[in-house]
C-alpha atoms as a PDB file:
ATOM      1  CA  UNK A   1     -82.364 -80.823 -42.663  1.00  0.00           C
ATOM      2  CA  UNK A   2     -78.706 -81.598 -43.175  1.00  0.00           C
ATOM      3  CA  UNK A   3     -76.074 -79.312 -44.757  1.00  0.00           C
ATOM      4  CA  UNK A   4     -74.755 -80.313 -48.224  1.00  0.00           C
ATOM      5  CA  UNK A   5     -71.386 -82.045 -48.116  1.00  0.00           C
ATOM      6  CA  UNK A   6     -68.438 -80.801 -50.162  1.00  0.00           C
ATOM      7  CA  UNK A   7     -66.582 -83.498 -52.072  1.00  0.00           C
ATOM      8  CA  UNK A   8     -63.139 -82.165 -50.996  1.00  0.00           C
ATOM      9  CA  UNK A   9     -62.210 -82.161 -47.374  1.00  0.00           C
ATOM     10  CA  UNK A  10     -59.937 -79.596 -45.795  1.00  0.00           C
ATOM     11  CA  UNK A  11     -57.094 -82.125 -45.787  1.00  0.00           C
ATOM     12  CA  UNK A  12     -57.600 -82.774 -49.516  1.00  0.00           C
ATOM     13  CA  UNK A  13     -57.492 -79.051 -50.229  1.00  0.00           C
ATOM     14  CA  UNK A  14     -54.263 -78.639 -48.261  1.00  0.00           C
ATOM     15  CA  UNK A  15     -52.648 -81.538 -50.147  1.00  0.00           C
ATOM     16  CA  UNK A  16     -53.783 -80.058 -53.481  1.00  0.00           C
ATOM     17  CA  UNK A  17     -52.370 -76.643 -52.489  1.00  0.00           C
ATOM     18  CA  UNK A  18     -49.027 -78.203 -51.471  1.00  0.00           C
ATOM     19  CA  UNK A  19     -48.807 -80.008 -54.807  1.00  0.00           C
ATOM     20  CA  UNK A  20     -49.510 -76.785 -56.712  1.00  0.00           C
ATOM     21  CA  UNK A  21     -46.892 -74.867 -54.744  1.00  0.00           C
ATOM     22  CA  UNK A  22     -44.364 -77.619 -55.359  1.00  0.00           C
ATOM     23  CA  UNK A  23     -45.149 -77.734 -59.092  1.00  0.00           C
ATOM     24  CA  UNK A  24     -44.739 -73.964 -59.361  1.00  0.00           C
ATOM     25  CA  UNK A  25     -41.262 -73.975 -57.879  1.00  0.00           C
ATOM     26  CA  UNK A  26     -41.857 -73.698 -54.165  1.00  0.00           C
ATOM     27  CA  UNK A  27     -43.204 -71.085 -51.854  1.00  0.00           C
ATOM     28  CA  UNK A  28     -40.695 -68.413 -52.764  1.00  0.00           C
ATOM     29  CA  UNK A  29     -39.163 -68.465 -49.259  1.00  0.00           C
ATOM     30  CA  UNK A  30     -36.181 -70.585 -50.244  1.00  0.00           C
ATOM     31  CA  UNK A  31     -33.743 -67.709 -50.150  1.00  0.00           C
ATOM     32  CA  UNK A  32     -33.105 -67.880 -53.902  1.00  0.00           C
ATOM     33  CA  UNK A  33     -34.111 -65.288 -56.435  1.00  0.00           C
ATOM     34  CA  UNK A  34     -36.204 -66.291 -59.398  1.00  0.00           C
ATOM     35  CA  UNK A  35     -34.454 -65.922 -62.736  1.00  0.00           C
ATOM     36  CA  UNK A  36     -35.638 -63.064 -64.893  1.00  0.00           C
ATOM     37  CA  UNK A  37     -35.831 -63.392 -68.621  1.00  0.00           C
ATOM     38  CA  UNK A  38     -33.047 -61.760 -70.565  1.00  0.00           C
ATOM     39  CA  UNK A  39     -34.107 -59.903 -73.685  1.00  0.00           C
ATOM     40  CA  UNK A  40     -32.826 -61.319 -76.916  1.00  0.00           C
ATOM     41  CA  UNK A  41     -29.838 -59.356 -78.233  1.00  0.00           C
ATOM     42  CA  UNK A  42     -30.733 -56.942 -80.998  1.00  0.00           C
ATOM     43  CA  UNK A  43     -28.527 -57.133 -84.107  1.00  0.00           C
ATOM     44  CA  UNK A  44     -26.394 -54.013 -84.402  1.00  0.00           C
ATOM     45  CA  UNK A  45     -27.637 -53.336 -87.939  1.00  0.00           C
ATOM     46  CA  UNK A  46     -31.364 -53.657 -87.138  1.00  0.00           C
ATOM     47  CA  UNK A  47     -31.992 -49.914 -87.593  1.00  0.00           C
ATOM     48  CA  UNK A  48     -30.022 -49.788 -90.854  1.00  0.00           C
ATOM     49  CA  UNK A  49     -32.019 -52.746 -92.195  1.00  0.00           C
ATOM     50  CA  UNK A  50     -35.272 -51.114 -91.067  1.00  0.00           C
ATOM     51  CA  UNK A  51     -34.355 -47.914 -92.937  1.00  0.00           C
ATOM     52  CA  UNK A  52     -33.561 -49.928 -96.093  1.00  0.00           C
ATOM     53  CA  UNK A  53     -36.903 -51.781 -95.831  1.00  0.00           C
ATOM     54  CA  UNK A  54     -39.018 -48.608 -95.745  1.00  0.00           C
ATOM     55  CA  UNK A  55     -41.408 -48.291 -98.716  1.00  0.00           C
ATOM     56  CA  UNK A  56     -43.616 -45.378 -97.601  1.00  0.00           C
ATOM     57  CA  UNK A  57     -43.503 -41.723 -98.599  1.00  0.00           C
ATOM     58  CA  UNK A  58     -40.120 -40.012 -98.462  1.00  0.00           C
ATOM     59  CA  UNK A  59     -40.001 -36.285 -97.836  1.00  0.00           C
ATOM     60  CA  UNK A  60     -37.115 -34.201 -99.143  1.00  0.00           C
ATOM     61  CA  UNK A  61     -35.484 -31.189 -97.474  1.00  0.00           C
ATOM     62  CA  UNK A  62     -33.909 -29.090-100.253  1.00  0.00           C
ATOM     63  CA  UNK A  63     -33.645 -25.764 -98.410  1.00  0.00           C
ATOM     64  CA  UNK A  64     -33.712 -24.361 -94.902  1.00  0.00           C
ATOM     65  CA  UNK A  65     -37.230 -23.037 -95.569  1.00  0.00           C
ATOM     66  CA  UNK A  66     -38.711 -26.498 -96.327  1.00  0.00           C
ATOM     67  CA  UNK A  67     -41.203 -28.066 -93.930  1.00  0.00           C
ATOM     68  CA  UNK A  68     -42.441 -31.651 -94.178  1.00  0.00           C
ATOM     69  CA  UNK A  69     -45.454 -32.983 -92.252  1.00  0.00           C
ATOM     70  CA  UNK A  70     -46.868 -36.460 -91.803  1.00  0.00           C
ATOM     71  CA  UNK A  71     -49.843 -37.656 -89.740  1.00  0.00           C
ATOM     72  CA  UNK A  72     -48.911 -40.722 -87.663  1.00  0.00           C
ATOM     73  CA  UNK A  73     -50.440 -43.107 -85.169  1.00  0.00           C
ATOM     74  CA  UNK A  74     -47.912 -45.414 -83.485  1.00  0.00           C
ATOM     75  CA  UNK A  75     -48.161 -48.253 -80.996  1.00  0.00           C
ATOM     76  CA  UNK A  76     -44.540 -49.279 -80.494  1.00  0.00           C
ATOM     77  CA  UNK A  77     -43.773 -52.081 -78.063  1.00  0.00           C
ATOM     78  CA  UNK A  78     -39.965 -52.294 -78.239  1.00  0.00           C
ATOM     79  CA  UNK A  79     -37.855 -50.298 -75.806  1.00  0.00           C
ATOM     80  CA  UNK A  80     -35.883 -47.818 -77.900  1.00  0.00           C
ATOM     81  CA  UNK A  81     -32.787 -48.299 -75.742  1.00  0.00           C
ATOM     82  CA  UNK A  82     -32.597 -51.966 -76.797  1.00  0.00           C
ATOM     83  CA  UNK A  83     -32.427 -50.929 -80.452  1.00  0.00           C
ATOM     84  CA  UNK A  84     -29.550 -48.561 -79.803  1.00  0.00           C
ATOM     85  CA  UNK A  85     -27.707 -50.884 -77.449  1.00  0.00           C
ATOM     86  CA  UNK A  86     -27.819 -48.065 -74.908  1.00  0.00           C
ATOM     87  CA  UNK A  87     -25.764 -45.701 -77.054  1.00  0.00           C
ATOM     88  CA  UNK A  88     -27.517 -43.313 -77.034  1.00  0.00           C
ATOM     89  CA  UNK A  89     -29.883 -44.296 -74.223  1.00  0.00           C
ATOM     90  CA  UNK A  90     -33.129 -43.433 -76.034  1.00  0.00           C
ATOM     91  CA  UNK A  91     -36.327 -43.572 -73.940  1.00  0.00           C
ATOM     92  CA  UNK A  92     -39.769 -44.872 -74.875  1.00  0.00           C
ATOM     93  CA  UNK A  93     -41.343 -47.670 -76.902  1.00  0.00           C
ATOM     94  CA  UNK A  94     -41.009 -47.774 -80.693  1.00  0.00           C
ATOM     95  CA  UNK A  95     -41.833 -50.039 -83.649  1.00  0.00           C
ATOM     96  CA  UNK A  96     -38.973 -52.150 -84.953  1.00  0.00           C
ATOM     97  CA  UNK A  97     -40.014 -53.307 -88.435  1.00  0.00           C
ATOM     98  CA  UNK A  98     -39.557 -50.114 -90.426  1.00  0.00           C
ATOM     99  CA  UNK A  99     -39.380 -46.403 -89.604  1.00  0.00           C
ATOM    100  CA  UNK A 100     -42.627 -44.480 -89.206  1.00  0.00           C
ATOM    101  CA  UNK A 101     -41.364 -41.909 -91.726  1.00  0.00           C
ATOM    102  CA  UNK A 102     -38.272 -41.269 -93.849  1.00  0.00           C
ATOM    103  CA  UNK A 103     -36.950 -37.941 -95.050  1.00  0.00           C
ATOM    104  CA  UNK A 104     -33.960 -37.070 -97.167  1.00  0.00           C
ATOM    105  CA  UNK A 105     -31.577 -34.176 -96.675  1.00  0.00           C
ATOM    106  CA  UNK A 106     -30.662 -33.143-100.227  1.00  0.00           C
ATOM    107  CA  UNK A 107     -28.748 -29.942 -99.486  1.00  0.00           C
ATOM    108  CA  UNK A 108     -26.170 -28.549 -97.103  1.00  0.00           C
ATOM    109  CA  UNK A 109     -28.224 -27.332 -94.150  1.00  0.00           C
ATOM    110  CA  UNK A 110     -27.209 -25.699 -90.890  1.00  0.00           C
ATOM    111  CA  UNK A 111     -29.729 -27.875 -89.039  1.00  0.00           C
ATOM    112  CA  UNK A 112     -32.701 -30.186 -89.399  1.00  0.00           C
ATOM    113  CA  UNK A 113     -35.382 -30.271 -86.715  1.00  0.00           C
ATOM    114  CA  UNK A 114     -37.789 -33.166 -86.187  1.00  0.00           C
ATOM    115  CA  UNK A 115     -40.754 -32.711 -83.840  1.00  0.00           C
ATOM    116  CA  UNK A 116     -43.773 -34.864 -83.036  1.00  0.00           C
ATOM    117  CA  UNK A 117     -46.932 -33.219 -81.706  1.00  0.00           C
ATOM    118  CA  UNK A 118     -48.806 -36.173 -80.234  1.00  0.00           C
ATOM    119  CA  UNK A 119     -51.802 -36.838 -78.042  1.00  0.00           C
ATOM    120  CA  UNK A 120     -49.772 -38.549 -75.306  1.00  0.00           C
ATOM    121  CA  UNK A 121     -46.241 -38.689 -73.952  1.00  0.00           C
ATOM    122  CA  UNK A 122     -43.809 -39.641 -76.693  1.00  0.00           C
ATOM    123  CA  UNK A 123     -40.263 -39.891 -77.889  1.00  0.00           C
ATOM    124  CA  UNK A 124     -38.242 -39.721 -81.118  1.00  0.00           C
ATOM    125  CA  UNK A 125     -35.451 -41.908 -82.430  1.00  0.00           C
ATOM    126  CA  UNK A 126     -33.729 -41.012 -85.720  1.00  0.00           C
ATOM    127  CA  UNK A 127     -31.384 -43.148 -87.776  1.00  0.00           C
ATOM    128  CA  UNK A 128     -28.927 -41.233 -89.973  1.00  0.00           C
ATOM    129  CA  UNK A 129     -27.837 -42.167 -93.500  1.00  0.00           C
ATOM    130  CA  UNK A 130     -26.631 -45.781 -93.688  1.00  0.00           C
ATOM    131  CA  UNK A 131     -27.168 -46.036 -89.926  1.00  0.00           C
ATOM    132  CA  UNK A 132     -24.032 -43.963 -89.328  1.00  0.00           C
ATOM    133  CA  UNK A 133     -25.597 -42.004 -86.462  1.00  0.00           C
ATOM    134  CA  UNK A 134     -28.527 -42.387 -84.089  1.00  0.00           C
ATOM    135  CA  UNK A 135     -30.269 -39.400 -82.549  1.00  0.00           C
ATOM    136  CA  UNK A 136     -33.009 -39.226 -79.916  1.00  0.00           C
ATOM    137  CA  UNK A 137     -34.580 -36.857 -77.456  1.00  0.00           C
ATOM    138  CA  UNK A 138     -33.463 -37.188 -73.837  1.00  0.00           C
ATOM    139  CA  UNK A 139     -36.834 -37.726 -72.173  1.00  0.00           C
ATOM    140  CA  UNK A 140     -40.447 -38.653 -72.769  1.00  0.00           C
ATOM    141  CA  UNK A 141     -42.556 -35.563 -73.394  1.00  0.00           C
ATOM    142  CA  UNK A 142     -45.749 -34.385 -75.108  1.00  0.00           C
ATOM    143  CA  UNK A 143     -43.742 -32.753 -77.889  1.00  0.00           C
ATOM    144  CA  UNK A 144     -40.448 -34.599 -78.408  1.00  0.00           C
ATOM    145  CA  UNK A 145     -37.963 -32.843 -80.667  1.00  0.00           C
ATOM    146  CA  UNK A 146     -34.520 -33.589 -82.074  1.00  0.00           C
ATOM    147  CA  UNK A 147     -32.220 -31.036 -83.714  1.00  0.00           C
ATOM    148  CA  UNK A 148     -29.435 -32.331 -85.939  1.00  0.00           C
ATOM    149  CA  UNK A 149     -26.695 -29.761 -86.470  1.00  0.00           C
ATOM    150  CA  UNK A 150     -25.040 -29.847 -89.902  1.00  0.00           C
ATOM    151  CA  UNK A 151     -26.978 -32.962 -91.015  1.00  0.00           C
ATOM    152  CA  UNK A 152     -25.219 -35.170 -93.548  1.00  0.00           C
ATOM    153  CA  UNK A 153     -26.972 -35.520 -96.871  1.00  0.00           C
ATOM    154  CA  UNK A 154     -28.935 -38.737 -97.236  1.00  0.00           C
ATOM    155  CA  UNK A 155     -31.962 -40.528 -95.812  1.00  0.00           C
ATOM    156  CA  UNK A 156     -33.036 -40.378 -92.184  1.00  0.00           C
ATOM    157  CA  UNK A 157     -35.471 -42.831 -90.609  1.00  0.00           C
ATOM    158  CA  UNK A 158     -37.802 -41.528 -87.912  1.00  0.00           C
ATOM    159  CA  UNK A 159     -39.259 -43.811 -85.247  1.00  0.00           C
ATOM    160  CA  UNK A 160     -41.897 -42.100 -83.145  1.00  0.00           C
ATOM    161  CA  UNK A 161     -42.427 -43.707 -79.781  1.00  0.00           C
ATOM    162  CA  UNK A 162     -44.813 -43.638 -76.910  1.00  0.00           C
ATOM    163  CA  UNK A 163     -44.147 -43.336 -73.211  1.00  0.00           C
ATOM    164  CA  UNK A 164     -46.190 -46.340 -72.119  1.00  0.00           C
ATOM    165  CA  UNK A 165     -48.233 -49.237 -73.477  1.00  0.00           C
ATOM    166  CA  UNK A 166     -51.577 -47.495 -73.019  1.00  0.00           C
ATOM    167  CA  UNK A 167     -53.092 -46.545 -76.377  1.00  0.00           C
ATOM    168  CA  UNK A 168     -51.626 -45.204 -79.577  1.00  0.00           C
ATOM    169  CA  UNK A 169     -49.612 -42.011 -79.835  1.00  0.00           C
ATOM    170  CA  UNK A 170     -51.415 -40.115 -82.568  1.00  0.00           C
ATOM    171  CA  UNK A 171     -50.343 -36.772 -83.969  1.00  0.00           C
ATOM    172  CA  UNK A 172     -48.280 -34.899 -86.532  1.00  0.00           C
ATOM    173  CA  UNK A 173     -44.604 -35.282 -87.378  1.00  0.00           C
ATOM    174  CA  UNK A 174     -42.932 -32.056 -88.495  1.00  0.00           C
ATOM    175  CA  UNK A 175     -39.502 -31.933 -90.154  1.00  0.00           C
ATOM    176  CA  UNK A 176     -37.911 -28.583 -90.962  1.00  0.00           C
ATOM    177  CA  UNK A 177     -34.657 -27.522 -92.546  1.00  0.00           C
ATOM    178  CA  UNK A 178     -33.806 -25.160 -89.710  1.00  0.00           C
END
């Protein structure tokens, strides 16, 4: 009984492999470094436009004793630092279309505190009224929080982020006037 013959010989396979390597840009041992893709520049007013486009519920802080809460589930895929241009260097991955929540400071307050109690590592990025200021927490944590001292009156957009691309960050956003 004879063994079945394969239609491609070893020589044919080696020629096919060489053609594939050539078509894919070589073996990688040429001493050159492959080009990496450069992210598209983000317009400087992207966060201001996102705040203006928000149509969801808007909470209002009228006194230091006010507390606002909102259940959220986020799956951001944009690096927060690209939205801020690195100033500040916000960590994590956020949505870019519109904020996850908007609140308004309608009184003179000593501080406003924004906290997210999520089910995974997360981050916060806040856009101040008319995009005048951007605030964020310094690192990715289970309970990111941002305190704004002497917040200006007006609307603030909140972007809740996640620390990695694995699953949604689900939890509760808490905004207080203290």
